[in-house]
């Protein structure tokens, strides 16, 4: 009988100890789990809208007038951006039925130093800034080609935090031997920024 009571006591003690060990494991142990948190940063591009440009000085019979607009391109695209300009009409600069011819290059499509015949009146543009295409360096000009886009600047990496500036410089001239009808002439120019 004593042996049986002792056996029962031992069994009870072992059960109690086992239960306590399990309880202690729950209190003292640790369970872990990991997850991944992701976010997609998608490519985007924007361009600001500079003010309209009035070429100055006013042309009296003959002479030239100049002005510029600066477009700022912002993009996080790691391959960069390009900036193109186009005109809404051909020729670009008109007043009713009268117009300035689009600037005519000696080699079509190749920017060059501004020079027109004395018998002509022409309107064209150049580009300047850190990312202006090298072909425009040294104040070289092109003529517009209607709504066909002409690249003026590019960058092969994302823009700086504040964006990248490119100035498009405009010039209109009436040659010394040309009689340009008076009027307010205007051109609608569109700048388009695109990711590369």
Protein backbone atom coordinates (compact mmCIF):
# COMPACT_ATOMS: atom_id res chain seq x y z
CA UNK A 1 0.00 0.00 0.00
CA UNK A 2 2.86 2.32 0.84
CA UNK A 3 4.49 1.42 -2.48
CA UNK A 4 1.31 2.20 -4.34
CA UNK A 5 0.89 5.55 -2.65
CA UNK A 6 4.51 6.36 -3.41
CA UNK A 7 4.02 5.39 -7.04
CA UNK A 8 0.94 7.56 -7.31
CA UNK A 9 2.80 10.43 -5.69
CA UNK A 10 5.69 10.09 -8.16
CA UNK A 11 3.36 9.95 -11.11
CA UNK A 12 1.49 13.00 -9.88
CA UNK A 13 4.78 14.86 -9.34
CA UNK A 14 5.94 14.04 -12.87
CA UNK A 15 2.66 15.23 -14.36
CA UNK A 16 2.78 18.44 -12.36
CA UNK A 17 6.44 19.03 -13.35
CA UNK A 18 5.65 18.40 -17.02
CA UNK A 19 2.74 20.85 -16.92
CA UNK A 20 4.94 23.43 -15.23
CA UNK A 21 7.66 22.96 -17.90
CA UNK A 22 5.11 23.51 -20.64
CA UNK A 23 3.82 26.62 -18.91
CA UNK A 24 7.37 27.89 -18.41
CA UNK A 25 8.08 27.33 -22.12
CA UNK A 26 5.10 29.42 -23.09
CA UNK A 27 6.20 32.24 -20.87
CA UNK A 28 9.93 32.20 -21.57
CA UNK A 29 9.98 31.19 -25.29
CA UNK A 30 9.50 33.41 -28.42
CA UNK A 31 7.72 32.96 -31.74
CA UNK A 32 8.75 35.02 -34.80
CA UNK A 33 7.44 35.75 -38.27
CA UNK A 34 8.73 38.00 -41.08
CA UNK A 35 6.96 39.82 -43.92
CA UNK A 36 8.20 41.91 -46.86
CA UNK A 37 6.88 45.46 -47.30
CA UNK A 38 7.15 46.86 -50.83
CA UNK A 39 6.27 50.06 -52.66
CA UNK A 40 6.45 50.77 -56.40
CA UNK A 41 7.85 54.14 -57.50
CA UNK A 42 6.64 54.46 -61.07
CA UNK A 43 8.24 56.67 -63.74
CA UNK A 44 6.64 60.09 -64.09
CA UNK A 45 7.42 63.31 -65.95
CA UNK A 46 6.13 66.86 -65.83
CA UNK A 47 6.90 70.18 -67.50
CA UNK A 48 6.13 73.65 -66.22
CA UNK A 49 4.43 76.42 -68.19
CA UNK A 50 6.51 79.58 -68.65
CA UNK A 51 4.96 82.93 -69.51
CA UNK A 52 4.24 83.99 -73.08
CA UNK A 53 7.11 85.75 -74.82
CA UNK A 54 7.07 89.19 -76.46
CA UNK A 55 10.07 89.60 -78.75
CA UNK A 56 11.85 92.91 -78.26
CA UNK A 57 12.57 95.52 -79.38
CA UNK A 58 9.68 96.23 -81.72
CA UNK A 59 10.86 96.07 -85.31
CA UNK A 60 10.64 99.37 -87.19
CA UNK A 61 10.91 98.61 -90.89
CA UNK A 62 14.02 96.41 -90.52
CA UNK A 63 16.01 94.79 -87.72
CA UNK A 64 15.62 91.92 -85.29
CA UNK A 65 13.83 91.10 -82.05
CA UNK A 66 14.60 88.37 -79.53
CA UNK A 67 13.14 86.69 -76.46
CA UNK A 68 13.25 83.37 -74.62
CA UNK A 69 11.16 80.93 -72.60
CA UNK A 70 12.56 78.48 -70.05
CA UNK A 71 10.95 75.09 -69.60
CA UNK A 72 11.67 73.03 -66.48
CA UNK A 73 11.46 69.24 -66.80
CA UNK A 74 10.99 67.04 -63.73
CA UNK A 75 11.23 63.25 -63.93
CA UNK A 76 12.33 60.35 -61.74
CA UNK A 77 12.91 58.16 -64.79
CA UNK A 78 16.41 56.70 -64.40
CA UNK A 79 16.91 56.65 -68.18
CA UNK A 80 16.30 60.38 -68.44
CA UNK A 81 14.23 62.69 -70.63
CA UNK A 82 14.13 64.65 -73.88
CA UNK A 83 12.57 68.02 -74.70
CA UNK A 84 11.14 68.80 -78.13
CA UNK A 85 9.48 71.89 -79.60
CA UNK A 86 7.02 72.32 -82.44
CA UNK A 87 4.89 75.06 -83.98
CA UNK A 88 1.15 75.05 -84.56
CA UNK A 89 1.45 76.45 -88.10
CA UNK A 90 3.80 76.51 -91.07
CA UNK A 91 5.19 79.11 -91.28
CA UNK A 92 5.12 79.50 -87.52
CA UNK A 93 5.03 83.31 -87.19
CA UNK A 94 1.97 84.88 -88.82
CA UNK A 95 -0.32 87.90 -88.81
CA UNK A 96 -3.41 87.24 -90.87
CA UNK A 97 -2.20 86.42 -94.38
CA UNK A 98 1.29 87.83 -93.69
CA UNK A 99 4.14 85.87 -92.16
CA UNK A 100 7.82 85.52 -91.37
CA UNK A 101 9.40 82.57 -93.14
CA UNK A 102 10.67 79.79 -90.90
CA UNK A 103 14.43 80.19 -90.53
CA UNK A 104 16.21 78.52 -93.43
CA UNK A 105 19.45 76.68 -92.64
CA UNK A 106 22.21 76.24 -95.22
CA UNK A 107 22.07 72.50 -94.48
CA UNK A 108 18.44 71.59 -93.66
CA UNK A 109 17.95 70.52 -90.06
CA UNK A 110 21.46 71.55 -88.95
CA UNK A 111 21.57 74.47 -86.49
CA UNK A 112 23.75 77.38 -87.62
CA UNK A 113 24.72 80.93 -86.70
CA UNK A 114 21.86 83.30 -87.42
CA UNK A 115 22.07 84.88 -90.86
CA UNK A 116 19.32 85.88 -93.31
CA UNK A 117 19.27 87.45 -96.75
CA UNK A 118 18.59 91.17 -96.88
CA UNK A 119 15.47 90.42 -98.95
CA UNK A 120 13.98 88.06 -96.34
CA UNK A 121 12.12 88.10 -93.03
CA UNK A 122 12.58 84.98 -90.91
CA UNK A 123 11.75 83.50 -87.49
CA UNK A 124 13.70 80.77 -85.72
CA UNK A 125 14.94 79.41 -82.41
CA UNK A 126 17.97 78.10 -80.53
CA UNK A 127 18.37 76.31 -77.20
CA UNK A 128 20.65 76.82 -74.22
CA UNK A 129 21.20 75.28 -70.80
CA UNK A 130 23.14 72.43 -69.23
CA UNK A 131 21.23 69.79 -71.20
CA UNK A 132 20.64 71.63 -74.49
CA UNK A 133 21.72 69.52 -77.45
CA UNK A 134 25.31 70.24 -78.44
CA UNK A 135 24.24 71.17 -81.98
CA UNK A 136 22.81 74.43 -80.59
CA UNK A 137 25.96 75.49 -78.73
CA UNK A 138 27.36 78.84 -79.78
CA UNK A 139 23.87 80.30 -80.33
CA UNK A 140 23.04 78.28 -83.42
CA UNK A 141 19.50 78.46 -84.81
CA UNK A 142 16.93 76.31 -86.56
CA UNK A 143 13.61 77.03 -88.21
CA UNK A 144 10.38 75.37 -87.12
CA UNK A 145 8.88 72.65 -89.28
CA UNK A 146 5.18 72.97 -88.51
CA UNK A 147 3.97 70.49 -85.91
CA UNK A 148 6.96 68.19 -86.39
CA UNK A 149 8.79 67.95 -83.09
CA UNK A 150 12.43 69.05 -83.00
CA UNK A 151 14.60 67.89 -80.10
CA UNK A 152 16.37 70.72 -78.28
CA UNK A 153 17.61 69.07 -75.07
CA UNK A 154 17.99 65.73 -73.32
CA UNK A 155 19.48 64.05 -70.27
CA UNK A 156 20.35 60.37 -69.92
CA UNK A 157 19.52 60.19 -66.21
CA UNK A 158 16.77 61.33 -63.88
CA UNK A 159 16.30 65.07 -63.38
CA UNK A 160 17.63 66.90 -60.36
CA UNK A 161 15.25 67.39 -57.44
CA UNK A 162 14.23 70.86 -58.62
CA UNK A 163 14.04 69.79 -62.26
CA UNK A 164 16.22 70.66 -65.26
CA UNK A 165 15.92 73.98 -67.13
CA UNK A 166 16.23 74.51 -70.86
CA UNK A 167 15.86 77.94 -72.46
CA UNK A 168 14.43 78.17 -75.96
CA UNK A 169 15.59 81.42 -77.53
CA UNK A 170 13.54 83.00 -80.32
CA UNK A 171 14.56 85.50 -82.97
CA UNK A 172 12.67 87.32 -85.71
CA UNK A 173 14.36 89.56 -88.25
CA UNK A 174 13.35 91.70 -91.19
CA UNK A 175 16.18 92.06 -93.70
CA UNK A 176 17.46 95.47 -94.68
CA UNK A 177 16.02 95.11 -98.19
CA UNK A 178 12.65 93.65 -97.22
CA UNK A 179 9.38 95.51 -96.64
CA UNK A 180 7.47 93.48 -94.04
CA UNK A 181 3.80 94.52 -93.62
CA UNK A 182 3.09 95.98 -90.18
CA UNK A 183 1.03 93.96 -87.71
CA UNK A 184 1.22 91.88 -84.56
CA UNK A 185 2.75 88.57 -85.57
CA UNK A 186 2.50 85.52 -83.35
CA UNK A 187 3.53 81.88 -83.21
CA UNK A 188 2.16 79.12 -81.03
CA UNK A 189 5.05 76.97 -79.81
CA UNK A 190 4.56 73.71 -77.92
CA UNK A 191 7.25 72.06 -75.80
CA UNK A 192 6.94 68.32 -75.17
CA UNK A 193 8.91 66.46 -72.50
CA UNK A 194 9.18 62.67 -72.86
CA UNK A 195 10.88 59.96 -70.79
CA UNK A 196 13.65 58.00 -72.52
